[in-house]
Amino acid sequence: MCDLTSMLSRIRQSKLAHELLVRTARVKGVAAPHAIDATAGFGEDALLLAAAGFHVQLFEQDPVIAALLADGLSRAADNPQLSPIVARMRLTQGDSVQALRARATMDVAVPDVVYLDPMFPARQKSATVKKKFQLLHHLESPCANEEELLHAAIAAKPRKVVIKRPAKGPYLAGIKPSYSIDGKAVRYDCIVPASMKL
């Protein structure tokens, strides 16, 4: 089950500013930034972004995970604390690689951020955390084509691509980011396409 109420403590304004994802994704000078979460899963990272003021388009390829997420978003919309946040989240069940490529050829607003969390083997010490994502890992394997995913994200012409990686894991598709923000368990790599030769 996708229960976004478990995120209530993390989306308090006092804590939100310390979230590494929020710090990495922030876009200076943009009041209501637009993000695309290309690997939505259970939507927790997208919820952090939405709580920080982003309008988030979520893509989830697996139909079962997408259905669970849709149910979680629907129930969150009935929660007074979550409803104004999930109102900034829009879920699409489908292949984000195709959608990102299509955007590059369409006359649509360019996203400020494309967020990628290609699944990697869980290494958390907490058994509770492992059980929480057991279904995700069972239904959806780690990204089979990292290069295809990353290049599709860059093709959408965002201001930045933010990538979640294991703290000591390799760069996605071997591409060195513009900068990284390190945490104890995870690292957020940020690619700023305009400043890189890709």
N, C-alpha and C. Protein backbone atom coordinates (compact mmCIF):
# COMPACT_ATOMS: atom_id res chain seq x y z
N MET A 1 0.84 -1.19 0.00
CA MET A 1 0.00 0.00 0.00
C MET A 1 0.88 1.25 0.00
N CYS A 2 0.43 2.26 -0.72
CA CYS A 2 1.12 3.54 -0.78
C CYS A 2 0.44 4.49 0.20
N ASP A 3 1.12 4.79 1.30
CA ASP A 3 0.55 5.64 2.34
C ASP A 3 1.41 6.88 2.51
N LEU A 4 1.00 7.98 1.90
CA LEU A 4 1.79 9.20 1.93
C LEU A 4 1.70 9.94 3.27
N THR A 5 0.79 9.50 4.15
CA THR A 5 0.73 10.13 5.48
C THR A 5 2.00 9.84 6.28
N SER A 6 2.73 8.81 5.88
CA SER A 6 3.99 8.49 6.57
C SER A 6 5.04 9.57 6.34
N MET A 7 4.78 10.47 5.39
CA MET A 7 5.73 11.53 5.05
C MET A 7 5.44 12.84 5.79
N LEU A 8 4.40 12.87 6.60
CA LEU A 8 3.98 14.12 7.22
C LEU A 8 5.09 14.79 8.03
N SER A 9 5.87 14.01 8.75
CA SER A 9 6.93 14.61 9.57
C SER A 9 8.03 15.21 8.70
N ARG A 10 8.26 14.64 7.53
CA ARG A 10 9.34 15.12 6.66
C ARG A 10 8.97 16.36 5.86
N ILE A 11 7.67 16.62 5.70
CA ILE A 11 7.27 17.76 4.88
C ILE A 11 6.97 19.01 5.72
N ARG A 12 7.26 18.96 7.02
CA ARG A 12 7.15 20.17 7.82
C ARG A 12 8.19 21.16 7.31
N GLN A 13 7.82 22.43 7.25
CA GLN A 13 8.72 23.44 6.69
C GLN A 13 10.07 23.47 7.39
N SER A 14 10.08 23.21 8.69
CA SER A 14 11.33 23.23 9.45
C SER A 14 12.28 22.13 9.01
N LYS A 15 11.72 21.02 8.51
CA LYS A 15 12.55 19.89 8.08
C LYS A 15 12.78 19.88 6.57
N LEU A 16 11.83 20.42 5.83
CA LEU A 16 11.87 20.34 4.37
C LEU A 16 13.13 20.99 3.80
N ALA A 17 13.53 22.10 4.36
CA ALA A 17 14.70 22.82 3.85
C ALA A 17 15.99 22.02 4.00
N HIS A 18 15.96 21.02 4.88
CA HIS A 18 17.15 20.19 5.11
C HIS A 18 17.17 18.93 4.25
N GLU A 19 16.08 18.67 3.54
CA GLU A 19 16.02 17.49 2.67
C GLU A 19 17.01 17.67 1.51
N LEU A 20 17.89 16.70 1.32
CA LEU A 20 18.91 16.82 0.29
C LEU A 20 18.31 16.95 -1.11
N LEU A 21 17.23 16.23 -1.37
CA LEU A 21 16.59 16.32 -2.69
C LEU A 21 16.09 17.74 -2.93
N VAL A 22 15.44 18.32 -1.95
CA VAL A 22 14.91 19.68 -2.09
C VAL A 22 16.05 20.66 -2.31
N ARG A 23 17.14 20.52 -1.56
CA ARG A 23 18.29 21.41 -1.72
C ARG A 23 18.89 21.30 -3.12
N THR A 24 18.96 20.08 -3.64
CA THR A 24 19.55 19.87 -4.96
C THR A 24 18.65 20.38 -6.08
N ALA A 25 17.34 20.22 -5.92
CA ALA A 25 16.39 20.54 -6.99
C ALA A 25 16.01 22.02 -7.05
N ARG A 26 16.20 22.75 -5.99
CA ARG A 26 15.77 24.16 -5.95
C ARG A 26 16.27 24.93 -7.17
N VAL A 27 15.41 25.79 -7.70
CA VAL A 27 15.75 26.62 -8.85
C VAL A 27 15.62 28.08 -8.43
N LYS A 28 16.72 28.79 -8.43
CA LYS A 28 16.71 30.19 -7.99
C LYS A 28 15.87 31.05 -8.93
N GLY A 29 15.08 31.92 -8.32
CA GLY A 29 14.32 32.89 -9.09
C GLY A 29 13.05 32.37 -9.73
N VAL A 30 12.68 31.12 -9.45
CA VAL A 30 11.45 30.56 -10.02
C VAL A 30 10.47 30.30 -8.88
N ALA A 31 9.34 31.00 -8.90
CA ALA A 31 8.39 30.93 -7.79
C ALA A 31 7.66 29.59 -7.72
N ALA A 32 7.25 29.08 -8.86
CA ALA A 32 6.50 27.81 -8.90
C ALA A 32 7.14 26.89 -9.94
N PRO A 33 8.28 26.30 -9.61
CA PRO A 33 8.99 25.48 -10.59
C PRO A 33 8.23 24.21 -10.98
N HIS A 34 8.55 23.73 -12.17
CA HIS A 34 7.91 22.52 -12.70
C HIS A 34 8.93 21.40 -12.74
N ALA A 35 8.60 20.28 -12.13
CA ALA A 35 9.48 19.11 -12.12
C ALA A 35 8.79 17.92 -12.76
N ILE A 36 9.60 17.08 -13.39
CA ILE A 36 9.12 15.80 -13.90
C ILE A 36 9.84 14.71 -13.11
N ASP A 37 9.08 13.88 -12.41
CA ASP A 37 9.64 12.72 -11.73
C ASP A 37 9.45 11.56 -12.68
N ALA A 38 10.53 11.17 -13.34
CA ALA A 38 10.44 10.16 -14.40
C ALA A 38 10.40 8.73 -13.88
N THR A 39 10.63 8.55 -12.59
CA THR A 39 10.66 7.21 -11.98
C THR A 39 9.93 7.29 -10.65
N ALA A 40 8.61 7.45 -10.69
CA ALA A 40 7.84 7.87 -9.52
C ALA A 40 7.81 6.89 -8.36
N GLY A 41 7.73 5.58 -8.65
CA GLY A 41 7.63 4.61 -7.56
C GLY A 41 6.41 4.89 -6.71
N PHE A 42 6.59 5.01 -5.38
CA PHE A 42 5.48 5.29 -4.48
C PHE A 42 5.29 6.79 -4.23
N GLY A 43 6.00 7.63 -4.98
CA GLY A 43 5.71 9.06 -4.97
C GLY A 43 6.25 9.87 -3.81
N GLU A 44 7.09 9.27 -2.97
CA GLU A 44 7.55 10.00 -1.78
C GLU A 44 8.49 11.15 -2.14
N ASP A 45 9.39 10.93 -3.09
CA ASP A 45 10.30 12.00 -3.50
C ASP A 45 9.51 13.12 -4.19
N ALA A 46 8.54 12.75 -5.00
CA ALA A 46 7.71 13.75 -5.67
C ALA A 46 6.93 14.57 -4.64
N LEU A 47 6.50 13.92 -3.57
CA LEU A 47 5.78 14.63 -2.51
C LEU A 47 6.68 15.67 -1.84
N LEU A 48 7.94 15.32 -1.63
CA LEU A 48 8.89 16.29 -1.06
C LEU A 48 9.01 17.51 -1.97
N LEU A 49 9.13 17.26 -3.27
CA LEU A 49 9.24 18.37 -4.21
C LEU A 49 7.97 19.22 -4.23
N ALA A 50 6.81 18.56 -4.23
CA ALA A 50 5.55 19.29 -4.24
C ALA A 50 5.39 20.11 -2.96
N ALA A 51 5.82 19.55 -1.83
CA ALA A 51 5.74 20.27 -0.56
C ALA A 51 6.64 21.50 -0.57
N ALA A 52 7.72 21.43 -1.38
CA ALA A 52 8.65 22.55 -1.49
C ALA A 52 8.19 23.57 -2.53
N GLY A 53 7.00 23.36 -3.11
CA GLY A 53 6.44 24.33 -4.04
C GLY A 53 6.49 23.96 -5.50
N PHE A 54 7.07 22.81 -5.83
CA PHE A 54 7.13 22.37 -7.22
C PHE A 54 5.76 21.85 -7.68
N HIS A 55 5.47 22.04 -8.96
CA HIS A 55 4.38 21.33 -9.62
C HIS A 55 5.05 20.12 -10.26
N VAL A 56 4.58 18.92 -9.92
CA VAL A 56 5.30 17.71 -10.30
C VAL A 56 4.45 16.81 -11.20
N GLN A 57 5.01 16.48 -12.36
CA GLN A 57 4.43 15.47 -13.24
C GLN A 57 5.13 14.16 -12.94
N LEU A 58 4.39 13.16 -12.50
CA LEU A 58 4.97 11.86 -12.14
C LEU A 58 4.71 10.85 -13.25
N PHE A 59 5.73 10.08 -13.60
CA PHE A 59 5.58 8.98 -14.53
C PHE A 59 5.95 7.68 -13.83
N GLU A 60 5.09 6.69 -13.94
CA GLU A 60 5.39 5.36 -13.42
C GLU A 60 5.03 4.34 -14.48
N GLN A 61 6.00 3.55 -14.88
CA GLN A 61 5.80 2.60 -15.98
C GLN A 61 5.02 1.37 -15.57
N ASP A 62 5.30 0.83 -14.37
CA ASP A 62 4.64 -0.41 -13.95
C ASP A 62 3.17 -0.14 -13.60
N PRO A 63 2.23 -0.85 -14.22
CA PRO A 63 0.80 -0.55 -13.99
C PRO A 63 0.35 -0.84 -12.57
N VAL A 64 0.93 -1.84 -11.91
CA VAL A 64 0.53 -2.15 -10.53
C VAL A 64 1.01 -1.06 -9.58
N ILE A 65 2.28 -0.67 -9.72
CA ILE A 65 2.81 0.41 -8.87
C ILE A 65 2.06 1.71 -9.14
N ALA A 66 1.77 1.99 -10.41
CA ALA A 66 1.03 3.20 -10.76
C ALA A 66 -0.36 3.20 -10.12
N ALA A 67 -1.02 2.03 -10.10
CA ALA A 67 -2.35 1.93 -9.48
C ALA A 67 -2.27 2.16 -7.97
N LEU A 68 -1.24 1.60 -7.34
CA LEU A 68 -1.05 1.80 -5.90
C LEU A 68 -0.77 3.27 -5.59
N LEU A 69 0.04 3.90 -6.43
CA LEU A 69 0.35 5.32 -6.24
C LEU A 69 -0.89 6.18 -6.45
N ALA A 70 -1.66 5.87 -7.47
CA ALA A 70 -2.90 6.63 -7.73
C ALA A 70 -3.84 6.53 -6.53
N ASP A 71 -3.93 5.35 -5.93
CA ASP A 71 -4.76 5.16 -4.75
C ASP A 71 -4.21 5.98 -3.57
N GLY A 72 -2.88 5.96 -3.41
CA GLY A 72 -2.27 6.73 -2.33
C GLY A 72 -2.49 8.22 -2.50
N LEU A 73 -2.39 8.72 -3.73
CA LEU A 73 -2.63 10.14 -3.99
C LEU A 73 -4.09 10.51 -3.73
N SER A 74 -4.99 9.60 -4.10
CA SER A 74 -6.42 9.85 -3.89
C SER A 74 -6.74 9.95 -2.41
N ARG A 75 -6.17 9.05 -1.61
CA ARG A 75 -6.41 9.10 -0.17
C ARG A 75 -5.73 10.32 0.46
N ALA A 76 -4.56 10.67 -0.04
CA ALA A 76 -3.84 11.85 0.48
C ALA A 76 -4.63 13.13 0.20
N ALA A 77 -5.37 13.14 -0.90
CA ALA A 77 -6.16 14.33 -1.26
C ALA A 77 -7.27 14.59 -0.24
N ASP A 78 -7.63 13.56 0.53
CA ASP A 78 -8.66 13.72 1.58
C ASP A 78 -8.06 14.13 2.91
N ASN A 79 -6.73 14.22 2.98
CA ASN A 79 -6.06 14.61 4.21
C ASN A 79 -5.80 16.12 4.17
N PRO A 80 -6.32 16.87 5.14
CA PRO A 80 -6.17 18.33 5.10
C PRO A 80 -4.73 18.82 5.02
N GLN A 81 -3.80 18.07 5.61
CA GLN A 81 -2.40 18.48 5.58
C GLN A 81 -1.73 18.18 4.23
N LEU A 82 -2.22 17.15 3.55
CA LEU A 82 -1.60 16.72 2.29
C LEU A 82 -2.32 17.24 1.05
N SER A 83 -3.60 17.54 1.17
CA SER A 83 -4.39 17.88 -0.03
C SER A 83 -3.83 19.05 -0.84
N PRO A 84 -3.37 20.16 -0.22
CA PRO A 84 -2.83 21.23 -1.05
C PRO A 84 -1.52 20.86 -1.73
N ILE A 85 -0.83 19.87 -1.18
CA ILE A 85 0.44 19.42 -1.76
C ILE A 85 0.19 18.49 -2.94
N VAL A 86 -0.66 17.48 -2.74
CA VAL A 86 -0.93 16.53 -3.82
C VAL A 86 -1.69 17.19 -4.97
N ALA A 87 -2.30 18.34 -4.71
CA ALA A 87 -2.96 19.09 -5.79
C ALA A 87 -1.94 19.56 -6.82
N ARG A 88 -0.66 19.60 -6.43
CA ARG A 88 0.41 20.00 -7.35
C ARG A 88 1.09 18.79 -7.99
N MET A 89 0.50 17.60 -7.82
CA MET A 89 1.09 16.37 -8.36
C MET A 89 0.13 15.75 -9.38
N ARG A 90 0.67 15.36 -10.52
CA ARG A 90 -0.16 14.75 -11.58
C ARG A 90 0.53 13.47 -12.06
N LEU A 91 -0.17 12.36 -11.96
CA LEU A 91 0.40 11.05 -12.28
C LEU A 91 -0.01 10.58 -13.67
N THR A 92 0.98 10.05 -14.40
CA THR A 92 0.73 9.40 -15.68
C THR A 92 1.34 8.01 -15.63
N GLN A 93 0.54 7.01 -15.98
CA GLN A 93 1.08 5.65 -16.05
C GLN A 93 1.61 5.45 -17.47
N GLY A 94 2.91 5.25 -17.58
CA GLY A 94 3.49 5.08 -18.90
C GLY A 94 5.00 5.19 -18.87
N ASP A 95 5.59 5.06 -20.03
CA ASP A 95 7.04 5.06 -20.20
C ASP A 95 7.56 6.49 -20.22
N SER A 96 8.32 6.87 -19.21
CA SER A 96 8.82 8.25 -19.13
C SER A 96 9.85 8.56 -20.21
N VAL A 97 10.59 7.55 -20.66
CA VAL A 97 11.59 7.78 -21.70
C VAL A 97 10.91 8.26 -22.97
N GLN A 98 9.83 7.58 -23.36
CA GLN A 98 9.08 7.99 -24.55
C GLN A 98 8.47 9.38 -24.35
N ALA A 99 7.93 9.62 -23.16
CA ALA A 99 7.28 10.90 -22.88
C ALA A 99 8.29 12.04 -22.91
N LEU A 100 9.46 11.83 -22.33
CA LEU A 100 10.49 12.86 -22.32
C LEU A 100 10.98 13.16 -23.74
N ARG A 101 11.16 12.11 -24.53
CA ARG A 101 11.58 12.30 -25.92
C ARG A 101 10.52 13.07 -26.71
N ALA A 102 9.25 12.72 -26.48
CA ALA A 102 8.16 13.40 -27.19
C ALA A 102 8.12 14.88 -26.84
N ARG A 103 8.36 15.20 -25.56
CA ARG A 103 8.35 16.60 -25.14
C ARG A 103 9.37 17.43 -25.90
N ALA A 104 10.51 16.80 -26.22
CA ALA A 104 11.59 17.51 -26.90
C ALA A 104 11.17 17.98 -28.29
N THR A 105 10.13 17.35 -28.87
CA THR A 105 9.68 17.71 -30.21
C THR A 105 8.36 18.49 -30.20
N MET A 106 7.84 18.74 -29.00
CA MET A 106 6.55 19.42 -28.89
C MET A 106 6.72 20.85 -28.39
N ASP A 107 5.73 21.66 -28.65
CA ASP A 107 5.73 23.05 -28.19
C ASP A 107 5.09 23.09 -26.80
N VAL A 108 5.84 22.62 -25.80
CA VAL A 108 5.35 22.59 -24.42
C VAL A 108 6.37 23.29 -23.53
N ALA A 109 5.91 23.67 -22.35
CA ALA A 109 6.80 24.34 -21.40
C ALA A 109 7.96 23.42 -21.02
N VAL A 110 9.14 23.98 -20.96
CA VAL A 110 10.33 23.22 -20.59
C VAL A 110 10.32 23.03 -19.07
N PRO A 111 10.54 21.81 -18.59
CA PRO A 111 10.56 21.61 -17.14
C PRO A 111 11.79 22.26 -16.51
N ASP A 112 11.65 22.70 -15.29
CA ASP A 112 12.82 23.24 -14.59
C ASP A 112 13.75 22.11 -14.13
N VAL A 113 13.14 21.00 -13.73
CA VAL A 113 13.92 19.87 -13.20
C VAL A 113 13.34 18.57 -13.73
N VAL A 114 14.22 17.64 -14.12
CA VAL A 114 13.82 16.26 -14.35
C VAL A 114 14.52 15.44 -13.27
N TYR A 115 13.74 14.68 -12.52
CA TYR A 115 14.28 13.89 -11.41
C TYR A 115 14.28 12.42 -11.79
N LEU A 116 15.42 11.77 -11.55
CA LEU A 116 15.58 10.34 -11.85
C LEU A 116 16.01 9.59 -10.60
N ASP A 117 15.28 8.53 -10.31
CA ASP A 117 15.68 7.63 -9.22
C ASP A 117 15.66 6.21 -9.78
N PRO A 118 16.65 5.89 -10.65
CA PRO A 118 16.71 4.53 -11.17
C PRO A 118 17.04 3.60 -10.02
N MET A 119 16.22 2.61 -9.83
CA MET A 119 16.33 1.75 -8.66
C MET A 119 17.72 1.12 -8.54
N PHE A 120 18.21 1.06 -7.32
CA PHE A 120 19.46 0.37 -7.05
C PHE A 120 19.25 -0.52 -5.85
N PRO A 121 20.05 -1.59 -5.72
CA PRO A 121 19.85 -2.54 -4.62
C PRO A 121 19.86 -1.83 -3.27
N ALA A 122 18.81 -2.08 -2.46
CA ALA A 122 18.71 -1.43 -1.16
C ALA A 122 19.81 -1.93 -0.22
N ARG A 123 20.43 -0.97 0.50
CA ARG A 123 21.49 -1.33 1.44
C ARG A 123 21.20 -0.81 2.83
N GLN A 124 19.97 -0.35 3.05
CA GLN A 124 19.62 0.19 4.35
C GLN A 124 19.71 -0.90 5.40
N LYS A 125 20.08 -0.49 6.62
CA LYS A 125 20.20 -1.43 7.72
C LYS A 125 18.85 -1.76 8.33
N SER A 126 17.88 -0.87 8.14
CA SER A 126 16.57 -1.06 8.75
C SER A 126 15.74 -2.07 7.98
N ALA A 127 15.32 -3.14 8.68
CA ALA A 127 14.49 -4.16 8.04
C ALA A 127 13.15 -3.57 7.65
N THR A 128 12.65 -2.59 8.44
CA THR A 128 11.37 -1.97 8.14
C THR A 128 11.42 -1.25 6.80
N VAL A 129 12.50 -0.55 6.54
CA VAL A 129 12.64 0.16 5.27
C VAL A 129 12.69 -0.83 4.12
N LYS A 130 13.40 -1.92 4.29
CA LYS A 130 13.49 -2.92 3.23
C LYS A 130 12.11 -3.50 2.90
N LYS A 131 11.30 -3.80 3.92
CA LYS A 131 9.98 -4.35 3.68
C LYS A 131 9.09 -3.34 2.96
N LYS A 132 9.26 -2.07 3.29
CA LYS A 132 8.45 -1.03 2.70
C LYS A 132 8.58 -1.00 1.18
N PHE A 133 9.79 -1.26 0.69
CA PHE A 133 10.03 -1.20 -0.75
C PHE A 133 10.18 -2.59 -1.38
N GLN A 134 9.80 -3.60 -0.63
CA GLN A 134 9.93 -4.97 -1.15
C GLN A 134 9.09 -5.16 -2.42
N LEU A 135 7.87 -4.62 -2.41
CA LEU A 135 7.00 -4.75 -3.58
C LEU A 135 7.59 -4.02 -4.78
N LEU A 136 8.13 -2.83 -4.56
CA LEU A 136 8.75 -2.08 -5.64
C LEU A 136 9.86 -2.89 -6.30
N HIS A 137 10.73 -3.46 -5.49
CA HIS A 137 11.85 -4.22 -6.04
C HIS A 137 11.39 -5.50 -6.71
N HIS A 138 10.26 -6.05 -6.23
CA HIS A 138 9.74 -7.28 -6.84
C HIS A 138 9.13 -7.00 -8.21
N LEU A 139 8.40 -5.89 -8.32
CA LEU A 139 7.70 -5.59 -9.57
C LEU A 139 8.58 -4.91 -10.60
N GLU A 140 9.52 -4.11 -10.12
CA GLU A 140 10.28 -3.28 -11.04
C GLU A 140 11.77 -3.47 -10.81
N SER A 141 12.46 -3.90 -11.83
CA SER A 141 13.89 -4.12 -11.73
C SER A 141 14.65 -2.80 -11.86
N PRO A 142 15.92 -2.77 -11.41
CA PRO A 142 16.73 -1.57 -11.64
C PRO A 142 16.76 -1.22 -13.13
N CYS A 143 16.97 0.04 -13.42
CA CYS A 143 16.95 0.55 -14.79
C CYS A 143 17.83 -0.28 -15.71
N ALA A 144 17.24 -0.78 -16.79
CA ALA A 144 17.98 -1.63 -17.72
C ALA A 144 18.87 -0.82 -18.66
N ASN A 145 18.44 0.38 -18.99
CA ASN A 145 19.22 1.21 -19.92
C ASN A 145 19.37 2.61 -19.33
N GLU A 146 20.38 2.77 -18.49
CA GLU A 146 20.63 4.04 -17.81
C GLU A 146 20.91 5.17 -18.80
N GLU A 147 21.67 4.86 -19.84
CA GLU A 147 22.04 5.88 -20.81
C GLU A 147 20.82 6.42 -21.53
N GLU A 148 19.91 5.52 -21.91
CA GLU A 148 18.68 5.92 -22.60
C GLU A 148 17.84 6.84 -21.70
N LEU A 149 17.71 6.47 -20.43
CA LEU A 149 16.93 7.27 -19.49
C LEU A 149 17.54 8.65 -19.29
N LEU A 150 18.85 8.71 -19.08
CA LEU A 150 19.50 9.98 -18.83
C LEU A 150 19.45 10.89 -20.06
N HIS A 151 19.69 10.35 -21.23
CA HIS A 151 19.67 11.17 -22.44
C HIS A 151 18.26 11.67 -22.78
N ALA A 152 17.25 10.87 -22.43
CA ALA A 152 15.87 11.32 -22.62
C ALA A 152 15.56 12.49 -21.69
N ALA A 153 16.08 12.40 -20.46
CA ALA A 153 15.88 13.49 -19.49
C ALA A 153 16.56 14.77 -19.98
N ILE A 154 17.76 14.65 -20.49
CA ILE A 154 18.49 15.82 -20.99
C ILE A 154 17.81 16.40 -22.23
N ALA A 155 17.24 15.52 -23.06
CA ALA A 155 16.57 15.95 -24.29
C ALA A 155 15.35 16.82 -24.00
N ALA A 156 14.77 16.68 -22.79
CA ALA A 156 13.61 17.50 -22.42
C ALA A 156 14.00 18.94 -22.10
N LYS A 157 15.31 19.22 -22.13
CA LYS A 157 15.88 20.57 -21.96
C LYS A 157 15.55 21.23 -20.62
N PRO A 158 15.66 20.49 -19.52
CA PRO A 158 15.41 21.12 -18.23
C PRO A 158 16.60 22.00 -17.81
N ARG A 159 16.38 22.83 -16.81
CA ARG A 159 17.48 23.60 -16.25
C ARG A 159 18.49 22.66 -15.59
N LYS A 160 17.96 21.59 -14.97
CA LYS A 160 18.84 20.62 -14.34
C LYS A 160 18.19 19.25 -14.29
N VAL A 161 19.04 18.22 -14.30
CA VAL A 161 18.61 16.84 -14.09
C VAL A 161 19.18 16.42 -12.75
N VAL A 162 18.31 15.97 -11.85
CA VAL A 162 18.74 15.53 -10.52
C VAL A 162 18.60 14.01 -10.47
N ILE A 163 19.68 13.35 -10.03
CA ILE A 163 19.74 11.88 -10.05
C ILE A 163 20.06 11.35 -8.66
N LYS A 164 19.24 10.46 -8.16
CA LYS A 164 19.48 9.82 -6.87
C LYS A 164 20.36 8.59 -7.06
N ARG A 165 21.44 8.53 -6.30
CA ARG A 165 22.39 7.42 -6.42
C ARG A 165 22.77 6.90 -5.04
N PRO A 166 23.28 5.67 -4.96
CA PRO A 166 23.85 5.21 -3.68
C PRO A 166 25.02 6.13 -3.33
N ALA A 167 25.26 6.31 -2.04
CA ALA A 167 26.29 7.25 -1.59
C ALA A 167 27.63 7.03 -2.27
N LYS A 168 28.01 5.78 -2.46
CA LYS A 168 29.30 5.48 -3.09
C LYS A 168 29.14 4.82 -4.45
N GLY A 169 27.97 4.98 -5.03
CA GLY A 169 27.70 4.34 -6.31
C GLY A 169 28.28 5.10 -7.49
N PRO A 170 28.34 4.46 -8.65
CA PRO A 170 28.88 5.11 -9.85
C PRO A 170 27.91 6.16 -10.39
N TYR A 171 28.43 7.05 -11.23
CA TYR A 171 27.58 8.03 -11.88
C TYR A 171 26.64 7.31 -12.84
N LEU A 172 25.43 7.83 -13.00
CA LEU A 172 24.47 7.24 -13.92
C LEU A 172 25.01 7.34 -15.34
N ALA A 173 25.04 6.21 -16.02
CA ALA A 173 25.53 6.12 -17.41
C ALA A 173 26.97 6.61 -17.54
N GLY A 174 27.68 6.70 -16.43
CA GLY A 174 29.09 7.11 -16.46
C GLY A 174 29.32 8.59 -16.72
N ILE A 175 28.25 9.39 -16.67
CA ILE A 175 28.38 10.83 -16.94
C ILE A 175 28.61 11.59 -15.64
N LYS A 176 29.72 12.29 -15.56
CA LYS A 176 30.04 13.06 -14.36
C LYS A 176 29.10 14.25 -14.24
N PRO A 177 28.49 14.44 -13.06
CA PRO A 177 27.55 15.55 -12.89
C PRO A 177 28.25 16.89 -12.74
N SER A 178 27.46 17.95 -12.83
CA SER A 178 27.98 19.30 -12.61
C SER A 178 28.40 19.47 -11.15
N TYR A 179 27.60 18.88 -10.26
CA TYR A 179 27.94 18.86 -8.83
C TYR A 179 27.09 17.80 -8.15
N SER A 180 27.44 17.49 -6.91
CA SER A 180 26.71 16.49 -6.13
C SER A 180 26.49 17.00 -4.72
N ILE A 181 25.42 16.54 -4.09
CA ILE A 181 25.18 16.78 -2.67
C ILE A 181 25.14 15.41 -2.01
N ASP A 182 26.03 15.20 -1.06
CA ASP A 182 26.20 13.89 -0.45
C ASP A 182 25.46 13.75 0.88
N GLY A 183 24.83 12.60 1.05
CA GLY A 183 24.24 12.23 2.33
C GLY A 183 24.90 10.96 2.82
N LYS A 184 24.44 10.44 3.95
CA LYS A 184 25.05 9.24 4.51
C LYS A 184 24.73 8.00 3.67
N ALA A 185 23.49 7.89 3.21
CA ALA A 185 23.07 6.70 2.48
C ALA A 185 22.93 6.93 0.98
N VAL A 186 22.60 8.16 0.60
CA VAL A 186 22.39 8.47 -0.82
C VAL A 186 23.15 9.73 -1.21
N ARG A 187 23.26 9.89 -2.51
CA ARG A 187 23.91 11.07 -3.09
C ARG A 187 23.01 11.60 -4.20
N TYR A 188 22.90 12.91 -4.30
CA TYR A 188 22.13 13.51 -5.38
C TYR A 188 23.09 14.18 -6.35
N ASP A 189 23.16 13.65 -7.56
CA ASP A 189 23.99 14.22 -8.61
C ASP A 189 23.13 15.18 -9.43
N CYS A 190 23.70 16.32 -9.77
CA CYS A 190 22.97 17.31 -10.54
C CYS A 190 23.70 17.61 -11.84
N ILE A 191 23.02 17.42 -12.95
CA ILE A 191 23.55 17.75 -14.26
C ILE A 191 22.85 19.02 -14.75
N VAL A 192 23.65 20.04 -15.04
CA VAL A 192 23.11 21.29 -15.59
C VAL A 192 23.49 21.29 -17.07
N PRO A 193 22.56 20.85 -17.95
CA PRO A 193 22.90 20.67 -19.37
C PRO A 193 23.54 21.89 -20.03
N ALA A 194 23.07 23.09 -19.68
CA ALA A 194 23.59 24.29 -20.34
C ALA A 194 25.06 24.54 -20.07
N SER A 195 25.57 23.96 -18.98
CA SER A 195 26.97 24.21 -18.62
C SER A 195 27.89 23.03 -18.92
N MET A 196 27.33 22.00 -19.57
CA MET A 196 28.12 20.79 -19.84
C MET A 196 28.15 20.47 -21.32
N LYS A 197 29.23 19.83 -21.73
CA LYS A 197 29.35 19.28 -23.07
C LYS A 197 28.97 17.81 -22.99
N LEU A 198 27.79 17.49 -23.53
CA LEU A 198 27.28 16.12 -23.40
C LEU A 198 27.25 15.45 -24.77
